[in-house]
Protein backbone atom coordinates (compact mmCIF):
# COMPACT_ATOMS: atom_id res chain seq x y z
CA UNK A 1 104.11 -30.90 -67.29
CA UNK A 2 106.27 -31.13 -64.20
CA UNK A 3 106.28 -28.43 -61.55
CA UNK A 4 108.68 -27.66 -58.74
CA UNK A 5 108.39 -24.93 -56.13
CA UNK A 6 111.95 -23.60 -55.98
CA UNK A 7 111.42 -21.10 -53.16
CA UNK A 8 108.27 -21.79 -51.12
CA UNK A 9 106.72 -19.08 -48.95
CA UNK A 10 107.94 -18.78 -45.37
CA UNK A 11 105.13 -19.84 -43.05
CA UNK A 12 106.63 -20.03 -39.56
CA UNK A 13 105.57 -16.76 -37.93
CA UNK A 14 102.14 -15.22 -38.41
CA UNK A 15 100.27 -18.16 -39.99
CA UNK A 16 101.49 -20.58 -37.33
CA UNK A 17 100.62 -18.12 -34.55
CA UNK A 18 97.14 -17.56 -36.01
CA UNK A 19 96.49 -21.30 -36.28
CA UNK A 20 97.70 -21.94 -32.74
CA UNK A 21 95.45 -19.14 -31.48
CA UNK A 22 92.48 -20.60 -33.43
CA UNK A 23 93.13 -24.03 -31.89
CA UNK A 24 94.00 -22.62 -28.42
CA UNK A 25 97.42 -24.30 -28.47
CA UNK A 26 100.15 -22.70 -26.39
CA UNK A 27 102.86 -25.38 -26.59
CA UNK A 28 105.43 -25.50 -29.35
CA UNK A 29 105.83 -29.29 -29.55
CA UNK A 30 103.33 -29.53 -32.45
CA UNK A 31 104.63 -26.59 -34.49
CA UNK A 32 106.09 -28.77 -37.26
CA UNK A 33 102.85 -30.71 -37.78
CA UNK A 34 100.79 -27.50 -37.66
CA UNK A 35 103.03 -25.89 -40.27
CA UNK A 36 102.62 -29.00 -42.45
CA UNK A 37 98.84 -28.63 -42.11
CA UNK A 38 99.08 -25.00 -43.23
CA UNK A 39 101.14 -26.06 -46.29
CA UNK A 40 98.58 -28.74 -47.08
CA UNK A 41 95.75 -26.21 -46.73
CA UNK A 42 97.61 -23.84 -49.09
CA UNK A 43 97.88 -26.67 -51.65
CA UNK A 44 94.17 -27.43 -51.31
CA UNK A 45 93.40 -23.72 -51.69
CA UNK A 46 95.43 -23.62 -54.90
CA UNK A 47 93.71 -26.73 -56.25
CA UNK A 48 90.27 -25.29 -55.43
CA UNK A 49 90.82 -21.72 -56.63
CA UNK A 50 93.24 -22.37 -59.49
CA UNK A 51 95.58 -19.70 -58.10
CA UNK A 52 98.77 -19.97 -56.07
CA UNK A 53 97.85 -18.07 -52.87
CA UNK A 54 101.27 -16.85 -51.69
CA UNK A 55 104.12 -15.82 -53.98
CA UNK A 56 106.73 -18.46 -54.71
CA UNK A 57 109.49 -19.11 -57.21
CA UNK A 58 108.35 -21.90 -59.53
CA UNK A 59 109.76 -23.99 -62.37
CA UNK A 60 107.59 -25.85 -64.87
CA UNK A 61 108.88 -28.21 -67.54
CA UNK A 62 106.97 -28.47 -70.82
CA UNK A 63 107.60 -30.00 -74.26
CA UNK A 64 109.79 -27.77 -76.45
CA UNK A 65 107.38 -26.64 -79.19
CA UNK A 66 107.03 -23.67 -81.47
CA UNK A 67 103.37 -23.00 -80.67
CA UNK A 68 102.21 -20.97 -77.66
CA UNK A 69 101.98 -22.93 -74.41
CA UNK A 70 100.53 -21.79 -71.13
CA UNK A 71 102.03 -22.18 -67.69
CA UNK A 72 99.82 -24.15 -65.33
CA UNK A 73 100.53 -22.04 -62.22
CA UNK A 74 98.69 -18.71 -61.96
CA UNK A 75 98.83 -15.78 -61.50
CA UNK A 76 102.30 -15.26 -62.95
CA UNK A 77 104.08 -12.11 -61.80
CA UNK A 78 107.26 -12.43 -63.89
CA UNK A 79 108.91 -15.02 -66.14
CA UNK A 80 112.59 -14.96 -65.23
CA UNK A 81 114.35 -17.74 -67.15
CA UNK A 82 113.91 -20.32 -69.91
CA UNK A 83 116.26 -23.22 -70.58
CA UNK A 84 116.24 -26.14 -72.97
CA UNK A 85 116.55 -29.64 -71.55
CA UNK A 86 118.13 -32.09 -74.02
CA UNK A 87 117.72 -35.86 -73.70
CA UNK A 88 121.29 -36.05 -72.40
CA UNK A 89 123.68 -33.45 -71.09
CA UNK A 90 123.39 -30.10 -69.37
CA UNK A 91 120.61 -27.59 -69.81
CA UNK A 92 120.88 -25.10 -72.67
CA UNK A 93 120.34 -21.39 -72.05
CA UNK A 94 118.20 -19.85 -74.78
CA UNK A 95 119.22 -16.54 -76.32
CA UNK A 96 116.55 -13.80 -76.00
CA UNK A 97 115.67 -14.07 -79.71
CA UNK A 98 115.06 -17.83 -79.47
CA UNK A 99 111.76 -17.57 -77.58
CA UNK A 100 108.86 -15.27 -76.70
CA UNK A 101 107.14 -14.88 -73.35
CA UNK A 102 103.95 -13.10 -72.40
CA UNK A 103 101.71 -12.62 -69.39
CA UNK A 104 98.07 -12.05 -70.28
CA UNK A 105 95.55 -9.88 -68.42
CA UNK A 106 94.44 -12.85 -66.27
CA UNK A 107 97.99 -13.52 -65.05
CA UNK A 108 98.54 -16.56 -67.26
CA UNK A 109 102.12 -16.98 -68.42
CA UNK A 110 102.62 -17.95 -72.05
CA UNK A 111 105.77 -18.96 -73.92
CA UNK A 112 106.91 -20.38 -77.24
CA UNK A 113 110.13 -21.22 -79.03
CA UNK A 114 110.91 -19.24 -82.16
CA UNK A 115 113.87 -21.31 -83.34
CA UNK A 116 114.26 -25.08 -83.37
CA UNK A 117 116.41 -26.51 -80.62
CA UNK A 118 118.12 -29.76 -79.73
CA UNK A 119 116.17 -29.68 -76.48
CA UNK A 120 113.13 -31.90 -76.21
CA UNK A 121 111.77 -30.02 -73.21
CA UNK A 122 111.83 -26.46 -71.93
CA UNK A 123 112.17 -25.34 -68.32
CA UNK A 124 110.45 -22.06 -67.48
CA UNK A 125 111.23 -20.33 -64.19
CA UNK A 126 108.92 -17.64 -62.90
CA UNK A 127 107.41 -16.02 -59.84
CA UNK A 128 103.71 -16.47 -59.21
CA UNK A 129 101.14 -15.87 -56.49
CA UNK A 130 98.15 -13.75 -55.52
CA UNK A 131 99.84 -12.09 -52.55
CA UNK A 132 103.50 -11.49 -51.69
CA UNK A 133 103.14 -12.85 -48.14
CA UNK A 134 100.69 -14.23 -45.57
CA UNK A 135 99.68 -10.82 -44.23
CA UNK A 136 98.75 -9.60 -47.72
CA UNK A 137 96.42 -12.52 -48.51
CA UNK A 138 92.78 -11.52 -48.88
CA UNK A 139 90.87 -12.21 -45.68
CA UNK A 140 88.59 -14.88 -47.18
CA UNK A 141 91.51 -16.93 -48.49
CA UNK A 142 93.56 -16.56 -45.30
CA UNK A 143 90.63 -17.43 -43.05
CA UNK A 144 89.72 -20.43 -45.23
CA UNK A 145 93.30 -21.73 -45.08
CA UNK A 146 93.31 -21.43 -41.28
CA UNK A 147 89.90 -23.10 -40.96
CA UNK A 148 90.96 -25.99 -43.20
CA UNK A 149 94.23 -26.50 -41.29
CA UNK A 150 92.30 -26.42 -37.99
CA UNK A 151 89.68 -28.82 -39.38
CA UNK A 152 92.38 -31.25 -40.52
CA UNK A 153 94.09 -31.01 -37.13
CA UNK A 154 90.87 -31.77 -35.25
CA UNK A 155 89.83 -34.63 -37.54
CA UNK A 156 93.27 -36.17 -38.11
CA UNK A 157 92.21 -39.52 -36.64
CA UNK A 158 88.72 -39.80 -38.11
CA UNK A 159 87.09 -40.13 -41.48
CA UNK A 160 85.93 -36.61 -42.19
CA UNK A 161 83.65 -35.42 -44.96
CA UNK A 162 84.53 -33.45 -48.06
CA UNK A 163 87.80 -31.58 -48.24
CA UNK A 164 87.52 -28.63 -48.19
CA UNK A 165 84.48 -28.43 -45.92
CA UNK A 166 81.55 -26.35 -47.17
CA UNK A 167 82.41 -23.38 -44.91
CA UNK A 168 85.94 -23.22 -46.36
CA UNK A 169 84.70 -23.65 -49.94
CA UNK A 170 82.29 -20.74 -49.39
CA UNK A 171 85.18 -18.51 -48.33
CA UNK A 172 87.27 -19.51 -51.37
CA UNK A 173 84.52 -19.57 -54.02
CA UNK A 174 84.82 -15.85 -54.97
CA UNK A 175 88.48 -16.51 -55.81
CA UNK A 176 87.86 -19.62 -57.89
CA UNK A 177 89.40 -19.52 -61.36
CA UNK A 178 87.88 -21.91 -63.87
CA UNK A 179 89.77 -23.19 -66.91
CA UNK A 180 88.52 -24.49 -70.18
CA UNK A 181 90.55 -27.55 -71.09
């Protein structure tokens, strides 16, 4: 499975301001590195919880098979497009009767091909995320992301302990989604 974030969340305003306030930084010369730390903390949050924190447009590529397959990224809000990817040539748009899509009660996106195709892989585009924007994130997740970004900023030149630190993991644990492989 390959994944690409097609439209990442915008993080410049409120999250950057909150992190700068947390770190007592008033200058703007480190804004780019602080925003990178927020993005990294968001990725760590997703890896820990199993859920994409802030809504984004995503594309995943899977083998083209007739059995049900699940999207890796959760929670899925809407599946917007499916295309076949042949070994050579342009992508193939599937007709609506060529595939089925579903979103289960846990927000997991599922899809399957109904008709055989020349495509060896299938690209599924969808929107996913727990919250539509930074301000809508649950407080525990948002605070954990800020704490992790601040921790990584403060320890950027030293060998720190576990990532995420225990205080951040405690904030995220109620949101953790476990999968059975």
